[in-house]
Amino acid sequence: MTTDASPDRPLLPSTGLKDGSIRRFAVHAVMIVLSFLSIFPIYWMIVTSLRPENEIFSTSLWPSNPSLENYVFVLTCIPMTGMLVNTTIVSAATAVLQVVTGLFAAYALVRWRMRLSGVIHGLIALSWLVPFQVTMIPNYVFASRLGLLDTLTGLIVPNAAHAFAILLLYNAMRSFPTEILEAARIDGASSWKILWQIVVPNMGAPIASLSIIAFISAWNEYFWPLLLSRKPENSVVRIGLQMFMSQEGNLWGPLMAAAALASLPILVIYLVLQRHVIESFMKSGIR
């Protein structure tokens, strides 16, 4: 026995696959546009740094006579190599100190339950909201009295601890199993041993994320080195960029060459640690 399809129930083609393809195409199109908008300024910086002076305002996508004279001018005009070394030292030392001080403070707040621990945590969170302009003058007076003006130590010490580092590691430590810590305590392990031999080895992702964010933040610091530095050889690369900007006019070719040299280490770090950088921004927010 055969039955005919009812005229009241027409057969409609499935549109799920088509709708999914359109959605994926739209997402990829948006991603391509956003990628272009992100990469093009870097490309234009590099192209401008390769232009000779008579082509600096050209709108062509590639210079007709690319030259490295802007890079040679930067390396001979200012101590760019020394500034890059200083910036690396300051950024690395700041990142290490923020991780260490953040670990100590977070472990104390999580492990040792004090009566005012909630108040202390709230004050640390509130200190994160204080703008740099409020603490700039007190920090400058502090560094001046300690004789740290125009030194790399003066650039590092005021940033050795930060509320962001404490809060990030505090949230990570709160999820650490307390049973493991109690078992280690029963076995006679000290707080120092528990922190460095049990807690820290199991917190690789938060520590890596904090290290990356702290390093990039210290690398991009401008106002504090501008306030504290006097000599170019004791300064950082951000101050070197400012030397090519004046009221008479900006030296756009050397400025772009210096900016390319200053951005190169950060780009290398991002390409090597891309996964950790993305995870740190997703889990911790952008500073």
C-alpha atoms as a PDB file:
ATOM      1  CA  MET A   1       0.000   0.000   0.000  1.00  0.00           C
ATOM      2  CA  THR A   2       1.340   3.441  -0.944  1.00  0.00           C
ATOM      3  CA  THR A   3       0.370   6.790   0.435  1.00  0.00           C
ATOM      4  CA  ASP A   4       0.715  10.129  -1.256  1.00  0.00           C
ATOM      5  CA  ALA A   5       2.160  13.106   0.514  1.00  0.00           C
ATOM      6  CA  SER A   6      -0.518  15.292   1.957  1.00  0.00           C
ATOM      7  CA  PRO A   7      -0.876  18.630   0.147  1.00  0.00           C
ATOM      8  CA  ASP A   8      -1.250  20.289   3.528  1.00  0.00           C
ATOM      9  CA  ARG A   9       2.344  19.304   4.514  1.00  0.00           C
ATOM     10  CA  PRO A  10       4.761  20.557   1.866  1.00  0.00           C
ATOM     11  CA  LEU A  11       8.315  19.269   2.025  1.00  0.00           C
ATOM     12  CA  LEU A  12      10.639  22.183   2.962  1.00  0.00           C
ATOM     13  CA  PRO A  13      14.389  21.997   2.421  1.00  0.00           C
ATOM     14  CA  SER A  14      16.583  22.184   5.544  1.00  0.00           C
ATOM     15  CA  THR A  15      18.240  25.579   5.949  1.00  0.00           C
ATOM     16  CA  GLY A  16      20.363  24.756   9.013  1.00  0.00           C
ATOM     17  CA  LEU A  17      23.526  24.081   6.992  1.00  0.00           C
ATOM     18  CA  LYS A  18      23.060  27.201   4.905  1.00  0.00           C
ATOM     19  CA  ASP A  19      22.511  29.405   7.948  1.00  0.00           C
ATOM     20  CA  GLY A  20      25.607  27.943   9.635  1.00  0.00           C
ATOM     21  CA  SER A  21      27.739  28.634   6.566  1.00  0.00           C
ATOM     22  CA  ILE A  22      26.550  32.237   6.382  1.00  0.00           C
ATOM     23  CA  ARG A  23      27.255  32.707  10.079  1.00  0.00           C
ATOM     24  CA  ARG A  24      30.787  31.297   9.769  1.00  0.00           C
ATOM     25  CA  PHE A  25      31.445  33.453   6.715  1.00  0.00           C
ATOM     26  CA  ALA A  26      30.313  36.585   8.569  1.00  0.00           C
ATOM     27  CA  VAL A  27      32.485  35.746  11.583  1.00  0.00           C
ATOM     28  CA  HIS A  28      35.556  35.141   9.422  1.00  0.00           C
ATOM     29  CA  ALA A  29      34.918  38.336   7.463  1.00  0.00           C
ATOM     30  CA  VAL A  30      34.772  40.366  10.670  1.00  0.00           C
ATOM     31  CA  MET A  31      37.949  38.682  11.946  1.00  0.00           C
ATOM     32  CA  ILE A  32      39.771  39.460   8.703  1.00  0.00           C
ATOM     33  CA  VAL A  33      38.773  43.131   8.889  1.00  0.00           C
ATOM     34  CA  LEU A  34      39.818  43.392  12.540  1.00  0.00           C
ATOM     35  CA  SER A  35      43.123  41.643  11.810  1.00  0.00           C
ATOM     36  CA  PHE A  36      43.820  44.074   8.999  1.00  0.00           C
ATOM     37  CA  LEU A  37      43.044  47.055  11.234  1.00  0.00           C
ATOM     38  CA  SER A  38      45.427  45.669  13.860  1.00  0.00           C
ATOM     39  CA  ILE A  39      48.307  44.774  11.554  1.00  0.00           C
ATOM     40  CA  PHE A  40      48.221  47.738   9.158  1.00  0.00           C
ATOM     41  CA  PRO A  41      49.563  50.331  11.677  1.00  0.00           C
ATOM     42  CA  ILE A  42      52.548  48.067  12.362  1.00  0.00           C
ATOM     43  CA  TYR A  43      53.111  47.626   8.643  1.00  0.00           C
ATOM     44  CA  TRP A  44      52.865  51.391   8.074  1.00  0.00           C
ATOM     45  CA  MET A  45      55.356  52.032  10.901  1.00  0.00           C
ATOM     46  CA  ILE A  46      57.887  49.702   9.296  1.00  0.00           C
ATOM     47  CA  VAL A  47      57.306  51.122   5.810  1.00  0.00           C
ATOM     48  CA  THR A  48      57.699  54.700   7.074  1.00  0.00           C
ATOM     49  CA  SER A  49      60.924  53.778   8.852  1.00  0.00           C
ATOM     50  CA  LEU A  50      62.316  52.568   5.504  1.00  0.00           C
ATOM     51  CA  ARG A  51      61.399  55.720   3.580  1.00  0.00           C
ATOM     52  CA  PRO A  52      64.070  58.305   2.779  1.00  0.00           C
ATOM     53  CA  GLU A  53      63.435  61.848   3.956  1.00  0.00           C
ATOM     54  CA  ASN A  54      62.074  63.064   0.625  1.00  0.00           C
ATOM     55  CA  GLU A  55      59.386  60.312   0.617  1.00  0.00           C
ATOM     56  CA  ILE A  56      58.362  60.468   4.240  1.00  0.00           C
ATOM     57  CA  PHE A  57      54.854  61.805   3.467  1.00  0.00           C
ATOM     58  CA  SER A  58      54.253  59.551   0.483  1.00  0.00           C
ATOM     59  CA  THR A  59      51.058  57.498   0.494  1.00  0.00           C
ATOM     60  CA  SER A  60      52.505  54.575  -1.466  1.00  0.00           C
ATOM     61  CA  LEU A  61      52.314  51.185   0.215  1.00  0.00           C
ATOM     62  CA  TRP A  62      56.039  50.613  -0.290  1.00  0.00           C
ATOM     63  CA  PRO A  63      58.902  53.125  -0.668  1.00  0.00           C
ATOM     64  CA  SER A  64      60.444  53.405  -4.107  1.00  0.00           C
ATOM     65  CA  ASN A  65      63.947  53.479  -2.621  1.00  0.00           C
ATOM     66  CA  PRO A  66      63.861  51.666   0.751  1.00  0.00           C
ATOM     67  CA  SER A  67      66.759  52.580   2.989  1.00  0.00           C
ATOM     68  CA  LEU A  68      68.073  51.819   6.476  1.00  0.00           C
ATOM     69  CA  GLU A  69      69.384  55.341   7.022  1.00  0.00           C
ATOM     70  CA  ASN A  70      66.724  56.067   9.646  1.00  0.00           C
ATOM     71  CA  TYR A  71      67.859  53.083  11.696  1.00  0.00           C
ATOM     72  CA  VAL A  72      71.487  54.155  11.372  1.00  0.00           C
ATOM     73  CA  PHE A  73      70.531  57.666  12.466  1.00  0.00           C
ATOM     74  CA  VAL A  74      68.683  56.340  15.519  1.00  0.00           C
ATOM     75  CA  LEU A  75      71.523  54.080  16.620  1.00  0.00           C
ATOM     76  CA  THR A  76      74.108  56.870  16.249  1.00  0.00           C
ATOM     77  CA  CYS A  77      72.039  59.816  17.500  1.00  0.00           C
ATOM     78  CA  ILE A  78      70.860  58.344  20.817  1.00  0.00           C
ATOM     79  CA  PRO A  79      72.097  55.382  22.910  1.00  0.00           C
ATOM     80  CA  MET A  80      69.272  53.205  21.620  1.00  0.00           C
ATOM     81  CA  THR A  81      71.011  49.912  22.361  1.00  0.00           C
ATOM     82  CA  GLY A  82      71.677  50.944  25.949  1.00  0.00           C
ATOM     83  CA  MET A  83      68.089  52.113  26.354  1.00  0.00           C
ATOM     84  CA  LEU A  84      66.803  48.760  25.116  1.00  0.00           C
ATOM     85  CA  VAL A  85      69.045  46.977  27.620  1.00  0.00           C
ATOM     86  CA  ASN A  86      67.880  49.290  30.428  1.00  0.00           C
ATOM     87  CA  THR A  87      64.245  48.731  29.509  1.00  0.00           C
ATOM     88  CA  THR A  88      64.734  44.967  29.479  1.00  0.00           C
ATOM     89  CA  ILE A  89      66.396  45.044  32.909  1.00  0.00           C
ATOM     90  CA  VAL A  90      63.710  47.291  34.404  1.00  0.00           C
ATOM     91  CA  SER A  91      60.834  45.280  32.899  1.00  0.00           C
ATOM     92  CA  ALA A  92      62.248  41.895  33.905  1.00  0.00           C
ATOM     93  CA  ALA A  93      63.106  43.015  37.431  1.00  0.00           C
ATOM     94  CA  THR A  94      59.696  44.646  37.883  1.00  0.00           C
ATOM     95  CA  ALA A  95      57.910  41.516  36.683  1.00  0.00           C
ATOM     96  CA  VAL A  96      59.920  39.244  38.998  1.00  0.00           C
ATOM     97  CA  LEU A  97      59.417  41.479  42.036  1.00  0.00           C
ATOM     98  CA  GLN A  98      55.684  41.827  41.417  1.00  0.00           C
ATOM     99  CA  VAL A  99      55.343  38.049  41.150  1.00  0.00           C
ATOM    100  CA  VAL A 100      57.336  37.458  44.361  1.00  0.00           C
ATOM    101  CA  THR A 101      55.594  40.141  46.425  1.00  0.00           C
ATOM    102  CA  GLY A 102      52.237  39.068  45.009  1.00  0.00           C
ATOM    103  CA  LEU A 103      52.895  35.457  46.041  1.00  0.00           C
ATOM    104  CA  PHE A 104      53.833  36.461  49.585  1.00  0.00           C
ATOM    105  CA  ALA A 105      50.820  38.724  50.044  1.00  0.00           C
ATOM    106  CA  ALA A 106      48.321  36.351  48.416  1.00  0.00           C
ATOM    107  CA  TYR A 107      49.563  33.366  50.423  1.00  0.00           C
ATOM    108  CA  ALA A 108      49.330  35.338  53.657  1.00  0.00           C
ATOM    109  CA  LEU A 109      45.777  36.471  52.910  1.00  0.00           C
ATOM    110  CA  VAL A 110      44.584  33.001  51.904  1.00  0.00           C
ATOM    111  CA  ARG A 111      46.470  30.818  54.361  1.00  0.00           C
ATOM    112  CA  TRP A 112      46.511  32.917  57.521  1.00  0.00           C
ATOM    113  CA  ARG A 113      42.949  33.922  58.317  1.00  0.00           C
ATOM    114  CA  MET A 114      43.183  37.127  60.322  1.00  0.00           C
ATOM    115  CA  ARG A 115      40.415  39.200  61.811  1.00  0.00           C
ATOM    116  CA  LEU A 116      41.002  42.076  59.392  1.00  0.00           C
ATOM    117  CA  SER A 117      41.945  39.998  56.341  1.00  0.00           C
ATOM    118  CA  GLY A 118      38.791  41.098  54.507  1.00  0.00           C
ATOM    119  CA  VAL A 119      39.542  44.739  55.250  1.00  0.00           C
ATOM    120  CA  ILE A 120      43.140  44.337  54.067  1.00  0.00           C
ATOM    121  CA  HIS A 121      41.951  42.681  50.856  1.00  0.00           C
ATOM    122  CA  GLY A 122      39.494  45.522  50.279  1.00  0.00           C
ATOM    123  CA  LEU A 123      42.176  48.166  50.826  1.00  0.00           C
ATOM    124  CA  ILE A 124      44.468  46.426  48.358  1.00  0.00           C
ATOM    125  CA  ALA A 125      41.644  46.352  45.802  1.00  0.00           C
ATOM    126  CA  LEU A 126      40.925  50.040  46.385  1.00  0.00           C
ATOM    127  CA  SER A 127      44.606  50.940  45.969  1.00  0.00           C
ATOM    128  CA  TRP A 128      44.411  49.522  42.454  1.00  0.00           C
ATOM    129  CA  LEU A 129      41.885  52.250  41.609  1.00  0.00           C
ATOM    130  CA  VAL A 130      44.201  55.076  42.698  1.00  0.00           C
ATOM    131  CA  PRO A 131      45.595  56.806  39.578  1.00  0.00           C
ATOM    132  CA  PHE A 132      49.322  57.153  39.082  1.00  0.00           C
ATOM    133  CA  GLN A 133      49.130  60.954  39.255  1.00  0.00           C
ATOM    134  CA  VAL A 134      48.131  60.704  42.934  1.00  0.00           C
ATOM    135  CA  THR A 135      51.190  58.667  43.963  1.00  0.00           C
ATOM    136  CA  MET A 136      53.634  60.232  41.516  1.00  0.00           C
ATOM    137  CA  ILE A 137      54.887  63.060  43.764  1.00  0.00           C
ATOM    138  CA  PRO A 138      55.198  60.943  46.960  1.00  0.00           C
ATOM    139  CA  ASN A 139      57.135  58.320  45.031  1.00  0.00           C
ATOM    140  CA  TYR A 140      59.397  60.981  43.563  1.00  0.00           C
ATOM    141  CA  VAL A 141      60.137  62.432  47.016  1.00  0.00           C
ATOM    142  CA  PHE A 142      60.780  58.922  48.334  1.00  0.00           C
ATOM    143  CA  ALA A 143      63.191  58.125  45.488  1.00  0.00           C
ATOM    144  CA  SER A 144      64.931  61.497  45.885  1.00  0.00           C
ATOM    145  CA  ARG A 145      65.566  60.975  49.601  1.00  0.00           C
ATOM    146  CA  LEU A 146      66.981  57.534  48.930  1.00  0.00           C
ATOM    147  CA  GLY A 147      69.289  58.919  46.225  1.00  0.00           C
ATOM    148  CA  LEU A 148      67.616  56.895  43.469  1.00  0.00           C
ATOM    149  CA  LEU A 149      67.101  59.692  40.965  1.00  0.00           C
ATOM    150  CA  ASP A 150      68.416  58.923  37.492  1.00  0.00           C
ATOM    151  CA  THR A 151      69.022  55.249  38.348  1.00  0.00           C
ATOM    152  CA  LEU A 152      67.500  52.003  37.199  1.00  0.00           C
ATOM    153  CA  THR A 153      66.859  51.053  40.826  1.00  0.00           C
ATOM    154  CA  GLY A 154      64.648  54.114  41.168  1.00  0.00           C
ATOM    155  CA  LEU A 155      62.582  52.926  38.207  1.00  0.00           C
ATOM    156  CA  ILE A 156      62.140  49.458  39.714  1.00  0.00           C
ATOM    157  CA  VAL A 157      61.591  49.926  43.456  1.00  0.00           C
ATOM    158  CA  PRO A 158      58.298  51.933  43.394  1.00  0.00           C
ATOM    159  CA  ASN A 159      56.763  49.293  41.107  1.00  0.00           C
ATOM    160  CA  ALA A 160      58.068  46.255  43.008  1.00  0.00           C
ATOM    161  CA  ALA A 161      54.588  45.531  44.379  1.00  0.00           C
ATOM    162  CA  HIS A 162      51.233  46.054  42.724  1.00  0.00           C
ATOM    163  CA  ALA A 163      47.653  45.426  43.761  1.00  0.00           C
ATOM    164  CA  PHE A 164      46.862  43.739  40.449  1.00  0.00           C
ATOM    165  CA  ALA A 165      49.487  41.039  41.106  1.00  0.00           C
ATOM    166  CA  ILE A 166      48.176  40.403  44.610  1.00  0.00           C
ATOM    167  CA  LEU A 167      44.548  40.162  43.517  1.00  0.00           C
ATOM    168  CA  LEU A 168      45.296  37.874  40.574  1.00  0.00           C
ATOM    169  CA  LEU A 169      47.345  35.441  42.669  1.00  0.00           C
ATOM    170  CA  TYR A 170      44.895  35.698  45.568  1.00  0.00           C
ATOM    171  CA  ASN A 171      42.020  34.487  43.382  1.00  0.00           C
ATOM    172  CA  ALA A 172      44.204  31.692  42.023  1.00  0.00           C
ATOM    173  CA  MET A 173      45.285  30.537  45.491  1.00  0.00           C
ATOM    174  CA  ARG A 174      41.727  30.502  46.820  1.00  0.00           C
ATOM    175  CA  SER A 175      40.947  27.646  44.426  1.00  0.00           C
ATOM    176  CA  PHE A 176      43.971  25.641  45.572  1.00  0.00           C
ATOM    177  CA  PRO A 177      42.911  22.492  47.508  1.00  0.00           C
ATOM    178  CA  THR A 178      43.280  23.137  51.236  1.00  0.00           C
ATOM    179  CA  GLU A 179      43.560  19.398  51.948  1.00  0.00           C
ATOM    180  CA  ILE A 180      46.990  19.332  50.306  1.00  0.00           C
ATOM    181  CA  LEU A 181      48.184  22.253  52.403  1.00  0.00           C
ATOM    182  CA  GLU A 182      46.870  20.687  55.596  1.00  0.00           C
ATOM    183  CA  ALA A 183      48.553  17.381  54.794  1.00  0.00           C
ATOM    184  CA  ALA A 184      51.849  19.155  54.213  1.00  0.00           C
ATOM    185  CA  ARG A 185      51.439  21.044  57.489  1.00  0.00           C
ATOM    186  CA  ILE A 186      50.801  17.780  59.368  1.00  0.00           C
ATOM    187  CA  ASP A 187      53.952  16.318  57.829  1.00  0.00           C
ATOM    188  CA  GLY A 188      55.917  19.175  59.391  1.00  0.00           C
ATOM    189  CA  ALA A 189      56.448  21.379  56.333  1.00  0.00           C
ATOM    190  CA  SER A 190      56.984  25.066  57.032  1.00  0.00           C
ATOM    191  CA  SER A 191      55.024  27.832  55.338  1.00  0.00           C
ATOM    192  CA  TRP A 192      58.078  28.683  53.218  1.00  0.00           C
ATOM    193  CA  LYS A 193      58.379  25.088  51.996  1.00  0.00           C
ATOM    194  CA  ILE A 194      54.647  24.787  51.339  1.00  0.00           C
ATOM    195  CA  LEU A 195      54.655  27.974  49.264  1.00  0.00           C
ATOM    196  CA  TRP A 196      57.672  27.227  47.094  1.00  0.00           C
ATOM    197  CA  GLN A 197      57.500  23.432  46.804  1.00  0.00           C
ATOM    198  CA  ILE A 198      53.743  22.835  46.678  1.00  0.00           C
ATOM    199  CA  VAL A 199      51.813  25.984  45.781  1.00  0.00           C
ATOM    200  CA  VAL A 200      54.104  27.663  43.246  1.00  0.00           C
ATOM    201  CA  PRO A 201      54.765  24.553  41.062  1.00  0.00           C
ATOM    202  CA  ASN A 202      50.989  24.101  40.688  1.00  0.00           C
ATOM    203  CA  MET A 203      50.294  27.738  39.761  1.00  0.00           C
ATOM    204  CA  GLY A 204      52.236  27.915  36.528  1.00  0.00           C
ATOM    205  CA  ALA A 205      49.449  29.465  34.438  1.00  0.00           C
ATOM    206  CA  PRO A 206      48.593  32.407  36.784  1.00  0.00           C
ATOM    207  CA  ILE A 207      52.277  33.144  37.412  1.00  0.00           C
ATOM    208  CA  ALA A 208      53.055  33.059  33.679  1.00  0.00           C
ATOM    209  CA  SER A 209      50.093  35.320  32.937  1.00  0.00           C
ATOM    210  CA  LEU A 210      51.115  37.812  35.617  1.00  0.00           C
ATOM    211  CA  SER A 211      54.738  37.796  34.453  1.00  0.00           C
ATOM    212  CA  ILE A 212      53.747  38.586  30.884  1.00  0.00           C
ATOM    213  CA  ILE A 213      51.345  41.380  31.848  1.00  0.00           C
ATOM    214  CA  ALA A 214      53.801  42.913  34.334  1.00  0.00           C
ATOM    215  CA  PHE A 215      56.655  42.806  31.817  1.00  0.00           C
ATOM    216  CA  ILE A 216      54.623  44.445  29.040  1.00  0.00           C
ATOM    217  CA  SER A 217      53.246  47.075  31.426  1.00  0.00           C
ATOM    218  CA  ALA A 218      56.731  47.965  32.680  1.00  0.00           C
ATOM    219  CA  TRP A 219      58.050  48.062  29.108  1.00  0.00           C
ATOM    220  CA  ASN A 220      55.364  50.576  28.107  1.00  0.00           C
ATOM    221  CA  GLU A 221      55.852  52.784  31.185  1.00  0.00           C
ATOM    222  CA  TYR A 222      56.502  56.423  30.236  1.00  0.00           C
ATOM    223  CA  PHE A 223      55.584  59.006  32.892  1.00  0.00           C
ATOM    224  CA  TRP A 224      57.654  57.587  35.755  1.00  0.00           C
ATOM    225  CA  PRO A 225      60.889  57.284  33.715  1.00  0.00           C
ATOM    226  CA  LEU A 226      60.221  60.747  32.294  1.00  0.00           C
ATOM    227  CA  LEU A 227      59.964  62.135  35.820  1.00  0.00           C
ATOM    228  CA  LEU A 228      62.952  60.284  37.244  1.00  0.00           C
ATOM    229  CA  SER A 229      65.496  60.099  34.416  1.00  0.00           C
ATOM    230  CA  ARG A 230      67.998  62.836  33.604  1.00  0.00           C
ATOM    231  CA  LYS A 231      70.616  61.260  31.327  1.00  0.00           C
ATOM    232  CA  PRO A 232      69.772  59.312  28.176  1.00  0.00           C
ATOM    233  CA  GLU A 233      72.166  56.504  29.076  1.00  0.00           C
ATOM    234  CA  ASN A 234      70.230  55.916  32.319  1.00  0.00           C
ATOM    235  CA  SER A 235      66.823  56.105  30.700  1.00  0.00           C
ATOM    236  CA  VAL A 236      64.502  53.694  28.894  1.00  0.00           C
ATOM    237  CA  VAL A 237      63.385  53.337  25.323  1.00  0.00           C
ATOM    238  CA  ARG A 238      60.131  55.296  25.740  1.00  0.00           C
ATOM    239  CA  ILE A 239      62.144  58.386  26.607  1.00  0.00           C
ATOM    240  CA  GLY A 240      64.269  57.788  23.525  1.00  0.00           C
ATOM    241  CA  LEU A 241      61.156  57.970  21.353  1.00  0.00           C
ATOM    242  CA  GLN A 242      60.266  61.331  22.863  1.00  0.00           C
ATOM    243  CA  MET A 243      63.639  62.743  21.763  1.00  0.00           C
ATOM    244  CA  PHE A 244      62.517  62.707  18.128  1.00  0.00           C
ATOM    245  CA  MET A 245      59.477  64.875  18.891  1.00  0.00           C
ATOM    246  CA  SER A 246      59.918  68.632  19.270  1.00  0.00           C
ATOM    247  CA  GLN A 247      58.067  71.896  18.747  1.00  0.00           C
ATOM    248  CA  GLU A 248      60.007  72.561  15.554  1.00  0.00           C
ATOM    249  CA  GLY A 249      58.747  69.357  13.975  1.00  0.00           C
ATOM    250  CA  ASN A 250      58.836  65.621  14.399  1.00  0.00           C
ATOM    251  CA  LEU A 251      61.493  63.484  12.729  1.00  0.00           C
ATOM    252  CA  TRP A 252      59.000  60.942  11.454  1.00  0.00           C
ATOM    253  CA  GLY A 253      61.476  58.598   9.780  1.00  0.00           C
ATOM    254  CA  PRO A 254      63.785  58.186  12.805  1.00  0.00           C
ATOM    255  CA  LEU A 255      60.765  58.186  15.113  1.00  0.00           C
ATOM    256  CA  MET A 256      59.210  55.254  13.269  1.00  0.00           C
ATOM    257  CA  ALA A 257      62.561  53.458  13.181  1.00  0.00           C
ATOM    258  CA  ALA A 258      62.972  53.913  16.945  1.00  0.00           C
ATOM    259  CA  ALA A 259      59.380  52.788  17.501  1.00  0.00           C
ATOM    260  CA  ALA A 260      60.021  49.653  15.420  1.00  0.00           C
ATOM    261  CA  LEU A 261      63.117  48.839  17.484  1.00  0.00           C
ATOM    262  CA  ALA A 262      61.189  49.467  20.700  1.00  0.00           C
ATOM    263  CA  SER A 263      58.290  47.252  19.588  1.00  0.00           C
ATOM    264  CA  LEU A 264      60.426  44.376  18.330  1.00  0.00           C
ATOM    265  CA  PRO A 265      61.076  42.678  21.726  1.00  0.00           C
ATOM    266  CA  ILE A 266      57.391  42.855  22.670  1.00  0.00           C
ATOM    267  CA  LEU A 267      56.371  41.411  19.299  1.00  0.00           C
ATOM    268  CA  VAL A 268      58.850  38.552  19.741  1.00  0.00           C
ATOM    269  CA  ILE A 269      57.544  37.844  23.246  1.00  0.00           C
ATOM    270  CA  TYR A 270      53.970  37.876  21.962  1.00  0.00           C
ATOM    271  CA  LEU A 271      54.742  35.489  19.095  1.00  0.00           C
ATOM    272  CA  VAL A 272      56.595  33.079  21.376  1.00  0.00           C
ATOM    273  CA  LEU A 273      54.101  33.223  24.274  1.00  0.00           C
ATOM    274  CA  GLN A 274      50.975  33.968  22.270  1.00  0.00           C
ATOM    275  CA  ARG A 275      48.845  31.333  24.000  1.00  0.00           C
ATOM    276  CA  HIS A 276      49.750  32.551  27.484  1.00  0.00           C
ATOM    277  CA  VAL A 277      49.165  36.197  26.537  1.00  0.00           C
ATOM    278  CA  ILE A 278      45.659  35.469  25.230  1.00  0.00           C
ATOM    279  CA  GLU A 279      44.809  33.348  28.276  1.00  0.00           C
ATOM    280  CA  SER A 280      46.067  36.053  30.634  1.00  0.00           C
ATOM    281  CA  PHE A 281      43.916  38.719  28.952  1.00  0.00           C
ATOM    282  CA  MET A 282      40.848  36.458  28.984  1.00  0.00           C
ATOM    283  CA  LYS A 283      41.210  35.349  32.609  1.00  0.00           C
ATOM    284  CA  SER A 284      42.604  38.489  34.199  1.00  0.00           C
ATOM    285  CA  GLY A 285      41.369  41.380  32.088  1.00  0.00           C
ATOM    286  CA  ILE A 286      43.477  44.065  30.406  1.00  0.00           C
ATOM    287  CA  ARG A 287      45.387  46.233  32.798  1.00  0.00           C
END
